């Protein structure tokens, strides 16, 4: 019989903050509303997300209190040197299958600096060592190949393609699927 943890939410709530070389991955806080407004109103950030964003401070607070704070799998991404929140990482668990999927967004001013690769490496380590999951998977949409490159840099493998799989802001988008198992991660 395969061992299965029953206290995932407790582990998630107790885990934060997770320290990386340049970042802190932590629970959402009241003070994050301004940062959410900054990246949540950026068309470049929202282009590849189901989230319609936050275009007022009230919408940013609503995102924070309605989704981010109550969700144990959400980690805010903070640049340690700047003490600035630049995005979020959303870990979505399927305990019955010992797997997780994830999504992330980051302020476009911080793109192409290796931050998401740093975040994903830390989160994969967390998933396989602390949560003892067997598999982590995710997808990206067409025209967002940078997300696929982040996943590949972290050892995730391309696993498939689903044409017109997601309706995002009125347009059907193709999905590219990636995954990694604990066994594959240990072999890296």
N, C-alpha and C. Protein backbone atom coordinates (compact mmCIF):
# COMPACT_ATOMS: atom_id res chain seq x y z
N UNK A 1 0.84 -1.19 0.00
CA UNK A 1 0.00 0.00 0.00
C UNK A 1 0.88 1.25 0.00
N UNK A 2 0.50 2.24 -0.78
CA UNK A 2 1.26 3.48 -0.90
C UNK A 2 0.88 4.41 0.24
N UNK A 3 1.90 4.97 0.88
CA UNK A 3 1.70 5.92 1.97
C UNK A 3 1.11 7.23 1.43
N UNK A 4 0.09 7.74 2.12
CA UNK A 4 -0.51 9.00 1.68
C UNK A 4 -0.65 9.93 2.88
N UNK A 5 -0.14 11.14 2.76
CA UNK A 5 -0.28 12.12 3.83
C UNK A 5 -1.73 12.57 3.92
N UNK A 6 -2.17 12.87 5.11
CA UNK A 6 -3.54 13.34 5.28
C UNK A 6 -3.59 14.79 5.74
N UNK A 7 -2.44 15.39 5.98
CA UNK A 7 -2.40 16.73 6.55
C UNK A 7 -1.74 17.75 5.61
N UNK A 8 -2.06 17.68 4.34
CA UNK A 8 -1.44 18.58 3.37
C UNK A 8 -1.65 20.05 3.71
N UNK A 9 -2.88 20.43 4.05
CA UNK A 9 -3.15 21.84 4.34
C UNK A 9 -2.34 22.33 5.53
N UNK A 10 -2.23 21.50 6.55
CA UNK A 10 -1.43 21.86 7.72
C UNK A 10 0.03 22.07 7.32
N UNK A 11 0.56 21.19 6.52
CA UNK A 11 1.95 21.32 6.05
C UNK A 11 2.11 22.60 5.24
N UNK A 12 1.14 22.89 4.37
CA UNK A 12 1.22 24.11 3.55
C UNK A 12 1.20 25.36 4.42
N UNK A 13 0.29 25.42 5.37
CA UNK A 13 0.20 26.61 6.22
C UNK A 13 1.46 26.80 7.06
N UNK A 14 2.06 25.71 7.51
CA UNK A 14 3.25 25.80 8.35
C UNK A 14 4.53 26.00 7.54
N UNK A 15 4.49 25.72 6.24
CA UNK A 15 5.71 25.73 5.43
C UNK A 15 6.27 27.12 5.17
N UNK A 16 5.42 28.05 4.90
CA UNK A 16 5.91 29.37 4.51
C UNK A 16 6.53 30.05 5.72
N UNK A 17 7.56 30.82 5.54
CA UNK A 17 8.20 31.17 4.28
C UNK A 17 9.25 30.14 3.84
N UNK A 18 9.38 30.01 2.53
CA UNK A 18 10.43 29.19 1.93
C UNK A 18 11.46 30.15 1.35
N UNK A 19 12.69 29.99 1.75
CA UNK A 19 13.76 30.88 1.33
C UNK A 19 14.50 30.28 0.13
N UNK A 20 14.74 31.09 -0.90
CA UNK A 20 15.60 30.70 -2.01
C UNK A 20 16.78 31.66 -2.00
N UNK A 21 17.59 31.59 -3.02
CA UNK A 21 18.77 32.46 -3.08
C UNK A 21 18.40 33.94 -3.02
N UNK A 22 17.37 34.34 -3.76
CA UNK A 22 17.01 35.76 -3.84
C UNK A 22 15.59 36.07 -3.39
N UNK A 23 14.82 35.04 -3.10
CA UNK A 23 13.39 35.22 -2.90
C UNK A 23 12.91 34.62 -1.58
N UNK A 24 11.74 35.10 -1.17
CA UNK A 24 11.01 34.50 -0.06
C UNK A 24 9.64 34.13 -0.60
N UNK A 25 9.25 32.88 -0.41
CA UNK A 25 7.92 32.39 -0.80
C UNK A 25 7.14 32.28 0.50
N UNK A 26 6.10 33.08 0.62
CA UNK A 26 5.41 33.23 1.90
C UNK A 26 3.90 33.31 1.71
N UNK A 27 3.20 33.22 2.82
CA UNK A 27 1.75 33.36 2.83
C UNK A 27 1.37 34.78 2.42
N UNK A 28 0.20 34.94 1.80
CA UNK A 28 -0.29 36.28 1.45
C UNK A 28 -0.54 37.11 2.71
N UNK A 29 -0.34 38.42 2.56
CA UNK A 29 -0.53 39.36 3.67
C UNK A 29 -1.38 40.54 3.21
N UNK A 30 -1.96 41.24 4.17
CA UNK A 30 -2.76 42.43 3.86
C UNK A 30 -2.00 43.41 2.98
N UNK A 31 -0.73 43.60 3.26
CA UNK A 31 0.08 44.59 2.55
C UNK A 31 0.31 44.23 1.09
N UNK A 32 -0.07 43.03 0.66
CA UNK A 32 0.17 42.61 -0.73
C UNK A 32 -0.81 43.23 -1.73
N UNK A 33 -1.84 43.89 -1.26
CA UNK A 33 -2.86 44.44 -2.18
C UNK A 33 -2.25 45.38 -3.22
N UNK A 34 -1.33 46.24 -2.82
CA UNK A 34 -0.71 47.18 -3.77
C UNK A 34 0.07 46.42 -4.85
N UNK A 35 0.81 45.40 -4.45
CA UNK A 35 1.58 44.61 -5.43
C UNK A 35 0.64 43.86 -6.37
N UNK A 36 -0.46 43.32 -5.83
CA UNK A 36 -1.44 42.62 -6.66
C UNK A 36 -2.03 43.58 -7.68
N UNK A 37 -2.31 44.80 -7.25
CA UNK A 37 -2.82 45.80 -8.19
C UNK A 37 -1.80 46.09 -9.28
N UNK A 38 -0.53 46.18 -8.90
CA UNK A 38 0.51 46.49 -9.89
C UNK A 38 0.61 45.42 -10.97
N UNK A 39 0.73 44.15 -10.56
CA UNK A 39 0.85 43.12 -11.61
C UNK A 39 -0.51 42.67 -12.12
N UNK A 40 -1.56 42.85 -11.34
CA UNK A 40 -2.89 42.43 -11.75
C UNK A 40 -3.58 43.36 -12.72
N UNK A 41 -2.97 44.51 -12.97
CA UNK A 41 -3.52 45.45 -13.95
C UNK A 41 -2.64 45.54 -15.18
N UNK A 42 -1.65 44.67 -15.27
CA UNK A 42 -0.69 44.67 -16.39
C UNK A 42 -1.19 43.70 -17.48
N UNK A 43 -1.51 44.22 -18.63
CA UNK A 43 -2.04 43.40 -19.73
C UNK A 43 -1.08 42.29 -20.13
N UNK A 44 0.23 42.53 -20.04
CA UNK A 44 1.21 41.49 -20.39
C UNK A 44 1.13 40.31 -19.42
N UNK A 45 0.90 40.59 -18.16
CA UNK A 45 0.78 39.53 -17.16
C UNK A 45 -0.52 38.75 -17.36
N UNK A 46 -1.59 39.45 -17.64
CA UNK A 46 -2.92 38.83 -17.73
C UNK A 46 -3.16 38.08 -19.03
N UNK A 47 -2.36 38.34 -20.04
CA UNK A 47 -2.60 37.76 -21.37
C UNK A 47 -2.76 36.25 -21.36
N UNK A 48 -2.00 35.56 -20.54
CA UNK A 48 -2.00 34.10 -20.55
C UNK A 48 -2.70 33.49 -19.33
N UNK A 49 -3.48 34.28 -18.62
CA UNK A 49 -4.14 33.81 -17.41
C UNK A 49 -5.65 33.78 -17.54
N UNK A 50 -6.29 32.86 -16.84
CA UNK A 50 -7.75 32.88 -16.75
C UNK A 50 -8.20 34.08 -15.92
N UNK A 51 -7.40 34.47 -14.94
CA UNK A 51 -7.69 35.59 -14.06
C UNK A 51 -7.85 36.86 -14.88
N UNK A 52 -8.90 37.59 -14.62
CA UNK A 52 -9.13 38.84 -15.35
C UNK A 52 -8.39 40.01 -14.73
N UNK A 53 -7.76 39.79 -13.58
CA UNK A 53 -6.91 40.80 -12.99
C UNK A 53 -7.57 41.63 -11.92
N UNK A 54 -6.82 42.65 -11.51
CA UNK A 54 -7.27 43.59 -10.50
C UNK A 54 -6.92 44.98 -11.01
N UNK A 55 -7.93 45.78 -11.30
CA UNK A 55 -7.71 47.09 -11.92
C UNK A 55 -7.97 48.24 -10.96
N UNK A 56 -8.41 47.91 -9.76
CA UNK A 56 -8.57 48.90 -8.69
C UNK A 56 -8.05 48.27 -7.41
N UNK A 57 -7.78 49.09 -6.41
CA UNK A 57 -7.30 48.55 -5.15
C UNK A 57 -8.38 47.67 -4.50
N UNK A 58 -9.64 47.98 -4.75
CA UNK A 58 -10.73 47.15 -4.21
C UNK A 58 -10.70 45.76 -4.85
N UNK A 59 -10.47 45.70 -6.15
CA UNK A 59 -10.37 44.39 -6.83
C UNK A 59 -9.14 43.62 -6.35
N UNK A 60 -8.06 44.33 -6.10
CA UNK A 60 -6.85 43.68 -5.58
C UNK A 60 -7.12 43.09 -4.21
N UNK A 61 -7.78 43.84 -3.36
CA UNK A 61 -8.14 43.33 -2.02
C UNK A 61 -9.10 42.15 -2.12
N UNK A 62 -10.03 42.24 -3.06
CA UNK A 62 -10.97 41.11 -3.25
C UNK A 62 -10.20 39.85 -3.66
N UNK A 63 -9.26 39.97 -4.58
CA UNK A 63 -8.44 38.82 -4.97
C UNK A 63 -7.68 38.27 -3.77
N UNK A 64 -7.15 39.17 -2.98
CA UNK A 64 -6.37 38.78 -1.81
C UNK A 64 -7.24 38.04 -0.78
N UNK A 65 -8.39 38.60 -0.44
CA UNK A 65 -9.22 38.04 0.63
C UNK A 65 -10.14 36.92 0.16
N UNK A 66 -10.55 36.95 -1.10
CA UNK A 66 -11.47 35.92 -1.59
C UNK A 66 -10.74 34.67 -2.07
N UNK A 67 -9.51 34.81 -2.56
CA UNK A 67 -8.83 33.65 -3.12
C UNK A 67 -7.46 33.39 -2.48
N UNK A 68 -6.60 34.37 -2.46
CA UNK A 68 -5.21 34.14 -2.08
C UNK A 68 -5.05 33.74 -0.61
N UNK A 69 -5.58 34.54 0.30
CA UNK A 69 -5.41 34.25 1.73
C UNK A 69 -6.09 32.94 2.14
N UNK A 70 -7.32 32.66 1.71
CA UNK A 70 -7.96 31.40 2.14
C UNK A 70 -7.36 30.13 1.53
N UNK A 71 -6.56 30.26 0.49
CA UNK A 71 -6.03 29.10 -0.22
C UNK A 71 -4.68 28.69 0.37
N UNK A 72 -4.58 27.53 1.01
CA UNK A 72 -3.32 27.14 1.63
C UNK A 72 -2.19 26.90 0.64
N UNK A 73 -2.49 26.68 -0.63
CA UNK A 73 -1.45 26.42 -1.63
C UNK A 73 -0.88 27.66 -2.28
N UNK A 74 -1.30 28.84 -1.88
CA UNK A 74 -0.80 30.07 -2.49
C UNK A 74 0.41 30.58 -1.71
N UNK A 75 1.46 30.85 -2.47
CA UNK A 75 2.67 31.45 -1.93
C UNK A 75 2.93 32.74 -2.69
N UNK A 76 3.12 33.83 -1.97
CA UNK A 76 3.49 35.08 -2.61
C UNK A 76 5.00 35.06 -2.84
N UNK A 77 5.42 35.67 -3.93
CA UNK A 77 6.83 35.70 -4.31
C UNK A 77 7.37 37.09 -3.96
N UNK A 78 8.30 37.13 -3.04
CA UNK A 78 8.88 38.39 -2.59
C UNK A 78 10.37 38.43 -2.90
N UNK A 79 10.83 39.52 -3.51
CA UNK A 79 12.26 39.72 -3.73
C UNK A 79 12.82 40.17 -2.39
N UNK A 80 13.71 39.37 -1.83
CA UNK A 80 14.19 39.63 -0.47
C UNK A 80 14.88 40.98 -0.35
N UNK A 81 15.80 41.29 -1.26
CA UNK A 81 16.56 42.55 -1.17
C UNK A 81 15.66 43.78 -1.24
N UNK A 82 14.58 43.69 -1.98
CA UNK A 82 13.67 44.83 -2.16
C UNK A 82 12.49 44.79 -1.20
N UNK A 83 12.29 43.65 -0.53
CA UNK A 83 11.10 43.43 0.31
C UNK A 83 9.84 43.80 -0.48
N UNK A 84 9.80 43.30 -1.73
CA UNK A 84 8.69 43.62 -2.63
C UNK A 84 8.06 42.34 -3.15
N UNK A 85 6.74 42.25 -3.04
CA UNK A 85 5.99 41.14 -3.60
C UNK A 85 5.88 41.36 -5.11
N UNK A 86 6.26 40.34 -5.89
CA UNK A 86 6.26 40.49 -7.35
C UNK A 86 5.34 39.50 -8.05
N UNK A 87 4.66 38.64 -7.30
CA UNK A 87 3.79 37.66 -7.94
C UNK A 87 3.34 36.60 -6.98
N UNK A 88 2.76 35.55 -7.55
CA UNK A 88 2.27 34.45 -6.72
C UNK A 88 2.45 33.11 -7.42
N UNK A 89 2.51 32.08 -6.62
CA UNK A 89 2.60 30.69 -7.07
C UNK A 89 1.45 29.95 -6.41
N UNK A 90 0.64 29.28 -7.21
CA UNK A 90 -0.57 28.61 -6.73
C UNK A 90 -0.42 27.11 -6.90
N UNK A 91 -0.21 26.41 -5.80
CA UNK A 91 -0.06 24.96 -5.79
C UNK A 91 -1.44 24.34 -5.55
N UNK A 92 -1.87 23.48 -6.48
CA UNK A 92 -3.20 22.87 -6.41
C UNK A 92 -3.06 21.37 -6.21
N UNK A 93 -3.42 20.91 -5.04
CA UNK A 93 -3.20 19.51 -4.68
C UNK A 93 -4.36 18.61 -5.06
N UNK A 94 -4.01 17.39 -5.46
CA UNK A 94 -4.97 16.29 -5.64
C UNK A 94 -4.49 15.17 -4.73
N UNK A 95 -4.82 15.25 -3.43
CA UNK A 95 -4.28 14.30 -2.45
C UNK A 95 -4.56 12.84 -2.80
N UNK A 96 -5.75 12.57 -3.36
CA UNK A 96 -6.10 11.19 -3.67
C UNK A 96 -5.20 10.58 -4.74
N UNK A 97 -4.50 11.42 -5.48
CA UNK A 97 -3.57 10.93 -6.51
C UNK A 97 -2.12 11.25 -6.17
N UNK A 98 -1.89 11.84 -5.00
CA UNK A 98 -0.56 12.25 -4.55
C UNK A 98 0.15 13.08 -5.62
N UNK A 99 -0.59 14.06 -6.14
CA UNK A 99 -0.01 14.92 -7.17
C UNK A 99 -0.48 16.35 -6.96
N UNK A 100 0.20 17.24 -7.65
CA UNK A 100 -0.18 18.65 -7.63
C UNK A 100 -0.01 19.22 -9.03
N UNK A 101 -0.77 20.25 -9.28
CA UNK A 101 -0.55 21.08 -10.46
C UNK A 101 -0.29 22.48 -9.93
N UNK A 102 0.08 23.38 -10.79
CA UNK A 102 0.38 24.73 -10.31
C UNK A 102 0.16 25.75 -11.41
N UNK A 103 0.09 26.99 -10.97
CA UNK A 103 0.05 28.14 -11.85
C UNK A 103 0.84 29.24 -11.18
N UNK A 104 1.29 30.19 -11.96
CA UNK A 104 2.03 31.30 -11.37
C UNK A 104 1.86 32.54 -12.21
N UNK A 105 2.08 33.68 -11.57
CA UNK A 105 2.16 34.93 -12.31
C UNK A 105 3.19 35.81 -11.62
N UNK A 106 3.80 36.65 -12.42
CA UNK A 106 4.87 37.50 -11.92
C UNK A 106 4.81 38.84 -12.63
N UNK A 107 5.06 39.88 -11.90
CA UNK A 107 5.12 41.24 -12.42
C UNK A 107 6.05 41.26 -13.64
N UNK A 108 5.60 41.83 -14.74
CA UNK A 108 6.39 41.80 -15.99
C UNK A 108 7.71 42.55 -15.86
N UNK A 109 7.83 43.44 -14.89
CA UNK A 109 9.11 44.14 -14.67
C UNK A 109 10.20 43.17 -14.19
N UNK A 110 9.78 42.00 -13.75
CA UNK A 110 10.72 41.02 -13.19
C UNK A 110 10.88 39.79 -14.08
N UNK A 111 10.36 39.85 -15.29
CA UNK A 111 10.53 38.75 -16.24
C UNK A 111 11.99 38.66 -16.69
N UNK A 112 12.37 37.46 -17.12
CA UNK A 112 13.69 37.18 -17.71
C UNK A 112 14.84 37.44 -16.75
N UNK A 113 14.60 37.25 -15.47
CA UNK A 113 15.66 37.40 -14.46
C UNK A 113 15.92 36.09 -13.72
N UNK A 114 15.24 35.01 -14.15
CA UNK A 114 15.43 33.71 -13.52
C UNK A 114 14.63 33.50 -12.25
N UNK A 115 13.75 34.44 -11.91
CA UNK A 115 12.99 34.31 -10.67
C UNK A 115 12.04 33.12 -10.68
N UNK A 116 11.32 32.92 -11.78
CA UNK A 116 10.34 31.81 -11.79
C UNK A 116 11.04 30.46 -11.77
N UNK A 117 12.20 30.35 -12.40
CA UNK A 117 12.96 29.10 -12.32
C UNK A 117 13.37 28.83 -10.87
N UNK A 118 13.80 29.87 -10.18
CA UNK A 118 14.17 29.76 -8.78
C UNK A 118 12.97 29.33 -7.93
N UNK A 119 11.82 29.92 -8.18
CA UNK A 119 10.59 29.58 -7.45
C UNK A 119 10.20 28.12 -7.71
N UNK A 120 10.18 27.74 -8.99
CA UNK A 120 9.71 26.39 -9.32
C UNK A 120 10.66 25.33 -8.76
N UNK A 121 11.96 25.55 -8.81
CA UNK A 121 12.89 24.58 -8.22
C UNK A 121 12.60 24.39 -6.74
N UNK A 122 12.38 25.49 -6.03
CA UNK A 122 12.08 25.41 -4.59
C UNK A 122 10.75 24.71 -4.35
N UNK A 123 9.76 24.99 -5.17
CA UNK A 123 8.45 24.38 -4.97
C UNK A 123 8.45 22.89 -5.33
N UNK A 124 9.21 22.50 -6.34
CA UNK A 124 9.31 21.06 -6.64
C UNK A 124 9.98 20.34 -5.48
N UNK A 125 11.03 20.93 -4.93
CA UNK A 125 11.69 20.34 -3.78
C UNK A 125 10.69 20.20 -2.62
N UNK A 126 9.92 21.23 -2.37
CA UNK A 126 8.91 21.21 -1.32
C UNK A 126 7.88 20.11 -1.59
N UNK A 127 7.41 20.01 -2.82
CA UNK A 127 6.39 19.01 -3.18
C UNK A 127 6.88 17.59 -2.96
N UNK A 128 8.13 17.33 -3.33
CA UNK A 128 8.63 15.95 -3.25
C UNK A 128 9.22 15.61 -1.89
N UNK A 129 9.73 16.59 -1.14
CA UNK A 129 10.32 16.28 0.16
C UNK A 129 9.36 16.50 1.32
N UNK A 130 8.67 17.63 1.35
CA UNK A 130 7.78 17.94 2.47
C UNK A 130 6.39 17.31 2.30
N UNK A 131 5.83 17.45 1.11
CA UNK A 131 4.49 16.90 0.87
C UNK A 131 4.54 15.43 0.45
N UNK A 132 5.71 14.97 0.04
CA UNK A 132 5.93 13.59 -0.38
C UNK A 132 4.98 13.20 -1.52
N UNK A 133 4.78 14.11 -2.46
CA UNK A 133 3.94 13.82 -3.62
C UNK A 133 4.66 12.90 -4.58
N UNK A 134 3.91 12.27 -5.46
CA UNK A 134 4.48 11.41 -6.48
C UNK A 134 4.65 12.12 -7.81
N UNK A 135 3.86 13.16 -8.05
CA UNK A 135 3.87 13.80 -9.38
C UNK A 135 3.47 15.27 -9.26
N UNK A 136 4.11 16.09 -10.10
CA UNK A 136 3.73 17.50 -10.25
C UNK A 136 3.56 17.74 -11.74
N UNK A 137 2.50 18.46 -12.09
CA UNK A 137 2.22 18.71 -13.51
C UNK A 137 1.71 20.13 -13.69
N UNK A 138 1.82 20.62 -14.91
CA UNK A 138 1.32 21.96 -15.25
C UNK A 138 1.21 22.07 -16.76
N UNK A 139 0.66 23.18 -17.19
CA UNK A 139 0.59 23.44 -18.62
C UNK A 139 0.84 24.92 -18.86
N UNK A 140 1.14 25.22 -20.12
CA UNK A 140 1.18 26.62 -20.53
C UNK A 140 0.42 26.72 -21.84
N UNK A 141 0.05 27.92 -22.16
CA UNK A 141 -0.73 28.15 -23.37
C UNK A 141 0.17 28.61 -24.51
N UNK A 142 -0.31 28.40 -25.72
CA UNK A 142 0.42 28.83 -26.91
C UNK A 142 0.79 30.31 -26.75
N UNK A 143 1.93 30.66 -27.25
CA UNK A 143 2.49 32.01 -27.18
C UNK A 143 3.00 32.36 -25.79
N UNK A 144 3.12 31.38 -24.91
CA UNK A 144 3.73 31.60 -23.60
C UNK A 144 4.82 30.55 -23.39
N UNK A 145 5.68 30.43 -24.38
CA UNK A 145 6.73 29.42 -24.33
C UNK A 145 7.71 29.64 -23.19
N UNK A 146 7.81 30.88 -22.68
CA UNK A 146 8.71 31.14 -21.56
C UNK A 146 8.35 30.27 -20.35
N UNK A 147 7.06 30.05 -20.13
CA UNK A 147 6.64 29.18 -19.02
C UNK A 147 7.10 27.75 -19.26
N UNK A 148 7.02 27.29 -20.49
CA UNK A 148 7.52 25.95 -20.81
C UNK A 148 9.02 25.83 -20.58
N UNK A 149 9.76 26.88 -20.93
CA UNK A 149 11.22 26.86 -20.70
C UNK A 149 11.53 26.80 -19.21
N UNK A 150 10.77 27.52 -18.39
CA UNK A 150 10.96 27.45 -16.94
C UNK A 150 10.76 26.02 -16.46
N UNK A 151 9.68 25.38 -16.90
CA UNK A 151 9.40 24.01 -16.47
C UNK A 151 10.51 23.06 -16.91
N UNK A 152 10.98 23.20 -18.14
CA UNK A 152 12.04 22.32 -18.63
C UNK A 152 13.34 22.54 -17.86
N UNK A 153 13.68 23.79 -17.54
CA UNK A 153 14.90 24.07 -16.76
C UNK A 153 14.86 23.39 -15.40
N UNK A 154 13.65 23.16 -14.90
CA UNK A 154 13.48 22.54 -13.58
C UNK A 154 13.30 21.03 -13.66
N UNK A 155 13.48 20.46 -14.84
CA UNK A 155 13.42 19.01 -15.00
C UNK A 155 12.08 18.46 -15.44
N UNK A 156 11.08 19.31 -15.59
CA UNK A 156 9.78 18.82 -16.05
C UNK A 156 9.88 18.48 -17.54
N UNK A 157 9.13 17.49 -17.93
CA UNK A 157 9.20 17.00 -19.32
C UNK A 157 7.93 17.33 -20.08
N UNK A 158 8.07 17.68 -21.36
CA UNK A 158 6.87 17.87 -22.19
C UNK A 158 6.13 16.53 -22.30
N UNK A 159 4.81 16.55 -22.11
CA UNK A 159 4.05 15.32 -22.12
C UNK A 159 2.90 15.32 -23.11
N UNK A 160 2.61 16.44 -23.70
CA UNK A 160 1.51 16.41 -24.64
C UNK A 160 1.01 17.79 -25.01
N UNK A 161 0.04 17.76 -25.89
CA UNK A 161 -0.52 18.98 -26.47
C UNK A 161 -2.03 18.79 -26.60
N UNK A 162 -2.79 19.79 -26.19
CA UNK A 162 -4.25 19.75 -26.32
C UNK A 162 -4.70 20.99 -27.08
N UNK A 163 -5.14 20.81 -28.32
CA UNK A 163 -5.57 21.97 -29.09
C UNK A 163 -6.88 22.55 -28.55
N UNK A 164 -6.93 23.87 -28.52
CA UNK A 164 -8.12 24.62 -28.11
C UNK A 164 -8.74 24.09 -26.81
N UNK A 165 -7.90 23.84 -25.82
CA UNK A 165 -8.34 23.21 -24.58
C UNK A 165 -8.92 24.17 -23.55
N UNK A 166 -8.61 25.44 -23.67
CA UNK A 166 -9.03 26.40 -22.65
C UNK A 166 -9.55 27.67 -23.30
N UNK A 167 -10.68 28.13 -22.82
CA UNK A 167 -11.25 29.37 -23.31
C UNK A 167 -10.77 30.50 -22.39
N UNK A 168 -9.93 31.36 -22.92
CA UNK A 168 -9.36 32.46 -22.14
C UNK A 168 -9.74 33.77 -22.80
N UNK A 169 -10.53 34.53 -22.08
CA UNK A 169 -10.93 35.85 -22.53
C UNK A 169 -11.46 35.83 -23.96
N UNK A 170 -12.33 34.83 -24.22
CA UNK A 170 -13.01 34.76 -25.51
C UNK A 170 -12.28 34.04 -26.62
N UNK A 171 -11.08 33.52 -26.34
CA UNK A 171 -10.29 32.82 -27.36
C UNK A 171 -9.92 31.43 -26.85
N UNK A 172 -10.14 30.41 -27.69
CA UNK A 172 -9.70 29.07 -27.33
C UNK A 172 -8.19 28.99 -27.49
N UNK A 173 -7.52 28.51 -26.43
CA UNK A 173 -6.06 28.46 -26.41
C UNK A 173 -5.57 27.02 -26.36
N UNK A 174 -4.51 26.74 -27.09
CA UNK A 174 -3.86 25.44 -27.05
C UNK A 174 -3.07 25.30 -25.76
N UNK A 175 -3.06 24.09 -25.19
CA UNK A 175 -2.30 23.81 -23.97
C UNK A 175 -1.15 22.86 -24.27
N UNK A 176 0.00 23.15 -23.67
CA UNK A 176 1.17 22.28 -23.73
C UNK A 176 1.39 21.76 -22.31
N UNK A 177 1.42 20.44 -22.16
CA UNK A 177 1.45 19.80 -20.85
C UNK A 177 2.87 19.35 -20.48
N UNK A 178 3.21 19.54 -19.20
CA UNK A 178 4.50 19.15 -18.65
C UNK A 178 4.27 18.40 -17.35
N UNK A 179 5.21 17.53 -17.00
CA UNK A 179 5.10 16.82 -15.73
C UNK A 179 6.44 16.29 -15.28
N UNK A 180 6.48 15.93 -14.01
CA UNK A 180 7.66 15.29 -13.44
C UNK A 180 7.20 14.41 -12.28
N UNK A 181 7.78 13.23 -12.18
CA UNK A 181 7.47 12.33 -11.07
C UNK A 181 8.58 12.44 -10.03
N UNK A 182 8.30 11.94 -8.85
CA UNK A 182 9.32 11.94 -7.79
C UNK A 182 10.58 11.20 -8.26
N UNK A 183 10.36 10.07 -8.94
CA UNK A 183 11.48 9.27 -9.43
C UNK A 183 12.33 10.07 -10.42
N UNK A 184 11.69 10.78 -11.33
CA UNK A 184 12.42 11.62 -12.30
C UNK A 184 13.15 12.75 -11.59
N UNK A 185 12.50 13.36 -10.60
CA UNK A 185 13.11 14.47 -9.86
C UNK A 185 14.33 14.00 -9.09
N UNK A 186 14.24 12.83 -8.46
CA UNK A 186 15.38 12.30 -7.69
C UNK A 186 16.57 12.00 -8.60
N UNK A 187 16.29 11.71 -9.87
CA UNK A 187 17.37 11.37 -10.80
C UNK A 187 18.06 12.60 -11.40
N UNK A 188 17.54 13.79 -11.12
CA UNK A 188 18.15 15.02 -11.67
C UNK A 188 19.51 15.29 -11.08
